[in-house]
Structure formats: structure tokens, C-alpha cells
């Protein structure tokens, strides 16, 4: 078993142990948009339930108390606990919103991918409310 496969399984196991199910909303284009003709095609959304762990900014990372209360990060594993890819039907890099277990809706600012080599391990969703 390669190191990247072990990292994927470790990330999945830890997130399953400490995380909670959350709903991520991502964009989907139907039919595919043409950049030269953006008026064609309609953009819809798709939702997927993922296991995620909330990871708050450290005090030195945050600008002030108000900023830290309204900004956070969520970590999501690439594979589920059975070893299957979680995102075969949705591209998580197009995610727009995340609904946590309390029902709060977070707007996703950016998605960072931890990908040593060609193997995706985790996604870090930078969010704000």
C-alpha cells in the first residue's frame, strides 16, 4: 500500500471518528457552459452529504474576535470509510455553501486541496457566515 493511500485512509478514519454529516451545495452546469457564450446553459446546484470536521482559525491567524466568529474551515476527506471516492458525482471545488449540524449556512470562500502527487487526500473549505 502506497503512502498516499495510507494517508487517504487515515484522513477518512479520523474525520469519520471526529466529524459530523454536513450538506455541501455545489454548482453544476447543464448543459455545459461555453465561455464565449455565457448566456447559453443554465447553472443549477447539486447537494451532497459529507462527513466534515470544523477547524477554527487560531488566535494569531484571525484578525479580531468578530472575524474569528464569522470565519472557519471545514476538512473533508476524499474517500469514505469504505475506501470509495465521495465525490464521483460532484466537483467539490465548485462548492458554494455548507450547512453544518446546527443548521447554520456557511458560504464557501475557497477550497484548498491537499494533494501530494496525484492523490487527493483532503479538501479544506474556507468558509464565512
C-alpha atoms as a PDB file:
ATOM      1  CA  UNK A   1       0.000   0.000   0.000  1.00  0.00           C
ATOM      2  CA  UNK A   2       1.408   3.372  -1.010  1.00  0.00           C
ATOM      3  CA  UNK A   3       1.925   6.242   1.404  1.00  0.00           C
ATOM      4  CA  UNK A   4      -0.772   8.333  -0.278  1.00  0.00           C
ATOM      5  CA  UNK A   5      -3.315   5.510   0.065  1.00  0.00           C
ATOM      6  CA  UNK A   6      -2.484   5.185   3.762  1.00  0.00           C
ATOM      7  CA  UNK A   7      -2.869   8.962   4.184  1.00  0.00           C
ATOM      8  CA  UNK A   8      -6.273   8.835   2.469  1.00  0.00           C
ATOM      9  CA  UNK A   9      -7.460   6.050   4.770  1.00  0.00           C
ATOM     10  CA  UNK A  10      -6.105   7.776   7.890  1.00  0.00           C
ATOM     11  CA  UNK A  11      -7.797  11.067   6.966  1.00  0.00           C
ATOM     12  CA  UNK A  12     -11.077   9.273   6.260  1.00  0.00           C
ATOM     13  CA  UNK A  13     -10.954   7.334   9.530  1.00  0.00           C
ATOM     14  CA  UNK A  14     -10.159  10.404  11.666  1.00  0.00           C
ATOM     15  CA  UNK A  15     -12.809  12.565  10.015  1.00  0.00           C
ATOM     16  CA  UNK A  16     -15.393   9.784  10.406  1.00  0.00           C
ATOM     17  CA  UNK A  17     -14.476   9.475  14.105  1.00  0.00           C
ATOM     18  CA  UNK A  18     -14.480  13.193  14.953  1.00  0.00           C
ATOM     19  CA  UNK A  19     -16.681  14.683  12.245  1.00  0.00           C
ATOM     20  CA  UNK A  20     -20.360  15.047  11.587  1.00  0.00           C
ATOM     21  CA  UNK A  21     -22.537  14.839   8.478  1.00  0.00           C
ATOM     22  CA  UNK A  22     -22.897  18.193   6.725  1.00  0.00           C
ATOM     23  CA  UNK A  23     -24.551  19.192   3.471  1.00  0.00           C
ATOM     24  CA  UNK A  24     -22.460  20.816   0.748  1.00  0.00           C
ATOM     25  CA  UNK A  25     -24.086  22.625  -2.178  1.00  0.00           C
ATOM     26  CA  UNK A  26     -22.067  22.785  -5.391  1.00  0.00           C
ATOM     27  CA  UNK A  27     -22.676  24.308  -8.819  1.00  0.00           C
ATOM     28  CA  UNK A  28     -23.453  22.175 -11.810  1.00  0.00           C
ATOM     29  CA  UNK A  29     -23.777  23.432 -15.356  1.00  0.00           C
ATOM     30  CA  UNK A  30     -26.500  21.887 -17.510  1.00  0.00           C
ATOM     31  CA  UNK A  31     -25.718  21.896 -20.360  1.00  0.00           C
ATOM     32  CA  UNK A  32     -22.027  22.726 -20.223  1.00  0.00           C
ATOM     33  CA  UNK A  33     -21.389  26.457 -20.376  1.00  0.00           C
ATOM     34  CA  UNK A  34     -19.450  27.934 -23.249  1.00  0.00           C
ATOM     35  CA  UNK A  35     -17.129  30.695 -22.023  1.00  0.00           C
ATOM     36  CA  UNK A  36     -17.532  32.514 -25.338  1.00  0.00           C
ATOM     37  CA  UNK A  37     -21.364  32.396 -24.977  1.00  0.00           C
ATOM     38  CA  UNK A  38     -22.134  32.632 -21.250  1.00  0.00           C
ATOM     39  CA  UNK A  39     -25.815  33.346 -21.882  1.00  0.00           C
ATOM     40  CA  UNK A  40     -26.274  29.751 -23.011  1.00  0.00           C
ATOM     41  CA  UNK A  41     -26.707  26.997 -20.494  1.00  0.00           C
ATOM     42  CA  UNK A  42     -28.152  27.259 -17.042  1.00  0.00           C
ATOM     43  CA  UNK A  43     -26.326  26.836 -13.797  1.00  0.00           C
ATOM     44  CA  UNK A  44     -28.021  24.546 -11.321  1.00  0.00           C
ATOM     45  CA  UNK A  45     -26.956  23.137  -7.974  1.00  0.00           C
ATOM     46  CA  UNK A  46     -26.375  19.702  -6.546  1.00  0.00           C
ATOM     47  CA  UNK A  47     -26.116  18.755  -2.874  1.00  0.00           C
ATOM     48  CA  UNK A  48     -24.034  16.048  -1.264  1.00  0.00           C
ATOM     49  CA  UNK A  49     -23.809  14.957   2.367  1.00  0.00           C
ATOM     50  CA  UNK A  50     -20.229  14.662   3.587  1.00  0.00           C
ATOM     51  CA  UNK A  51     -18.510  13.948   6.867  1.00  0.00           C
ATOM     52  CA  UNK A  52     -16.574  17.031   7.899  1.00  0.00           C
ATOM     53  CA  UNK A  53     -14.624  18.404  10.835  1.00  0.00           C
ATOM     54  CA  UNK A  54     -14.796  22.083  11.722  1.00  0.00           C
ATOM     55  CA  UNK A  55     -11.361  23.577  12.248  1.00  0.00           C
ATOM     56  CA  UNK A  56     -11.379  27.118  13.606  1.00  0.00           C
ATOM     57  CA  UNK A  57      -8.667  29.648  12.930  1.00  0.00           C
ATOM     58  CA  UNK A  58      -6.070  30.031  15.645  1.00  0.00           C
ATOM     59  CA  UNK A  59      -5.997  33.301  17.548  1.00  0.00           C
ATOM     60  CA  UNK A  60      -2.872  34.511  15.761  1.00  0.00           C
ATOM     61  CA  UNK A  61      -4.398  33.715  12.376  1.00  0.00           C
ATOM     62  CA  UNK A  62      -7.610  35.645  12.956  1.00  0.00           C
ATOM     63  CA  UNK A  63      -7.793  39.390  12.589  1.00  0.00           C
ATOM     64  CA  UNK A  64     -10.099  40.070  15.538  1.00  0.00           C
ATOM     65  CA  UNK A  65     -12.755  38.323  17.616  1.00  0.00           C
ATOM     66  CA  UNK A  66     -15.618  39.238  15.257  1.00  0.00           C
ATOM     67  CA  UNK A  67     -13.722  37.948  12.231  1.00  0.00           C
ATOM     68  CA  UNK A  68     -12.902  34.660  14.007  1.00  0.00           C
ATOM     69  CA  UNK A  69     -16.559  34.115  14.953  1.00  0.00           C
ATOM     70  CA  UNK A  70     -17.727  34.505  11.369  1.00  0.00           C
ATOM     71  CA  UNK A  71     -14.883  32.630   9.591  1.00  0.00           C
ATOM     72  CA  UNK A  72     -13.922  28.987   9.925  1.00  0.00           C
ATOM     73  CA  UNK A  73     -12.627  25.979   7.987  1.00  0.00           C
ATOM     74  CA  UNK A  74     -14.053  22.541   7.411  1.00  0.00           C
ATOM     75  CA  UNK A  75     -11.970  19.496   6.496  1.00  0.00           C
ATOM     76  CA  UNK A  76     -13.473  16.796   4.249  1.00  0.00           C
ATOM     77  CA  UNK A  77     -11.818  13.522   3.210  1.00  0.00           C
ATOM     78  CA  UNK A  78     -11.557  12.468  -0.440  1.00  0.00           C
ATOM     79  CA  UNK A  79     -12.657   8.892   0.294  1.00  0.00           C
ATOM     80  CA  UNK A  80     -15.298   7.480   2.617  1.00  0.00           C
ATOM     81  CA  UNK A  81     -14.609   4.885   5.296  1.00  0.00           C
ATOM     82  CA  UNK A  82     -15.210   2.059   2.799  1.00  0.00           C
ATOM     83  CA  UNK A  83     -12.429   3.456   0.580  1.00  0.00           C
ATOM     84  CA  UNK A  84     -14.723   4.698  -2.195  1.00  0.00           C
ATOM     85  CA  UNK A  85     -14.402   8.230  -3.599  1.00  0.00           C
ATOM     86  CA  UNK A  86     -17.019  10.546  -2.060  1.00  0.00           C
ATOM     87  CA  UNK A  87     -17.157  12.980  -4.940  1.00  0.00           C
ATOM     88  CA  UNK A  88     -17.753  10.916  -8.053  1.00  0.00           C
ATOM     89  CA  UNK A  89     -20.964  12.839  -8.848  1.00  0.00           C
ATOM     90  CA  UNK A  90     -19.969  16.352  -7.745  1.00  0.00           C
ATOM     91  CA  UNK A  91     -16.868  18.514  -8.095  1.00  0.00           C
ATOM     92  CA  UNK A  92     -16.189  19.822  -4.593  1.00  0.00           C
ATOM     93  CA  UNK A  93     -14.079  22.672  -5.961  1.00  0.00           C
ATOM     94  CA  UNK A  94     -17.322  24.255  -7.257  1.00  0.00           C
ATOM     95  CA  UNK A  95     -18.934  24.182  -3.796  1.00  0.00           C
ATOM     96  CA  UNK A  96     -20.781  27.342  -2.781  1.00  0.00           C
ATOM     97  CA  UNK A  97     -22.409  26.605   0.593  1.00  0.00           C
ATOM     98  CA  UNK A  98     -22.059  24.272   3.560  1.00  0.00           C
ATOM     99  CA  UNK A  99     -24.834  23.611   6.084  1.00  0.00           C
ATOM    100  CA  UNK A 100     -23.492  22.404   9.436  1.00  0.00           C
ATOM    101  CA  UNK A 101     -25.220  20.212  12.017  1.00  0.00           C
ATOM    102  CA  UNK A 102     -26.682  23.278  13.778  1.00  0.00           C
ATOM    103  CA  UNK A 103     -28.377  24.397  10.583  1.00  0.00           C
ATOM    104  CA  UNK A 104     -26.027  27.337  10.032  1.00  0.00           C
ATOM    105  CA  UNK A 105     -25.267  28.005   6.382  1.00  0.00           C
ATOM    106  CA  UNK A 106     -21.660  28.896   5.651  1.00  0.00           C
ATOM    107  CA  UNK A 107     -20.615  30.488   2.376  1.00  0.00           C
ATOM    108  CA  UNK A 108     -17.544  28.783   0.923  1.00  0.00           C
ATOM    109  CA  UNK A 109     -14.880  31.349   0.030  1.00  0.00           C
ATOM    110  CA  UNK A 110     -12.321  28.910  -1.353  1.00  0.00           C
ATOM    111  CA  UNK A 111     -11.451  25.236  -1.495  1.00  0.00           C
ATOM    112  CA  UNK A 112      -7.890  24.146  -0.808  1.00  0.00           C
ATOM    113  CA  UNK A 113      -6.867  20.647  -1.893  1.00  0.00           C
ATOM    114  CA  UNK A 114      -4.190  18.637  -0.108  1.00  0.00           C
ATOM    115  CA  UNK A 115      -2.873  16.536  -2.948  1.00  0.00           C
ATOM    116  CA  UNK A 116       0.605  15.054  -2.684  1.00  0.00           C
ATOM    117  CA  UNK A 117       1.450  13.829  -6.146  1.00  0.00           C
ATOM    118  CA  UNK A 118      -1.776  12.955  -7.964  1.00  0.00           C
ATOM    119  CA  UNK A 119      -3.654  11.580  -4.963  1.00  0.00           C
ATOM    120  CA  UNK A 120      -6.198  13.840  -3.277  1.00  0.00           C
ATOM    121  CA  UNK A 121      -6.230  13.361   0.486  1.00  0.00           C
ATOM    122  CA  UNK A 122      -8.470  16.093   1.928  1.00  0.00           C
ATOM    123  CA  UNK A 123     -10.296  19.264   0.996  1.00  0.00           C
ATOM    124  CA  UNK A 124     -10.087  22.326   3.248  1.00  0.00           C
ATOM    125  CA  UNK A 125     -13.169  24.511   2.826  1.00  0.00           C
ATOM    126  CA  UNK A 126     -12.555  28.133   3.871  1.00  0.00           C
ATOM    127  CA  UNK A 127     -15.949  29.485   4.900  1.00  0.00           C
ATOM    128  CA  UNK A 128     -17.642  32.603   6.252  1.00  0.00           C
ATOM    129  CA  UNK A 129     -21.096  33.394   7.653  1.00  0.00           C
END
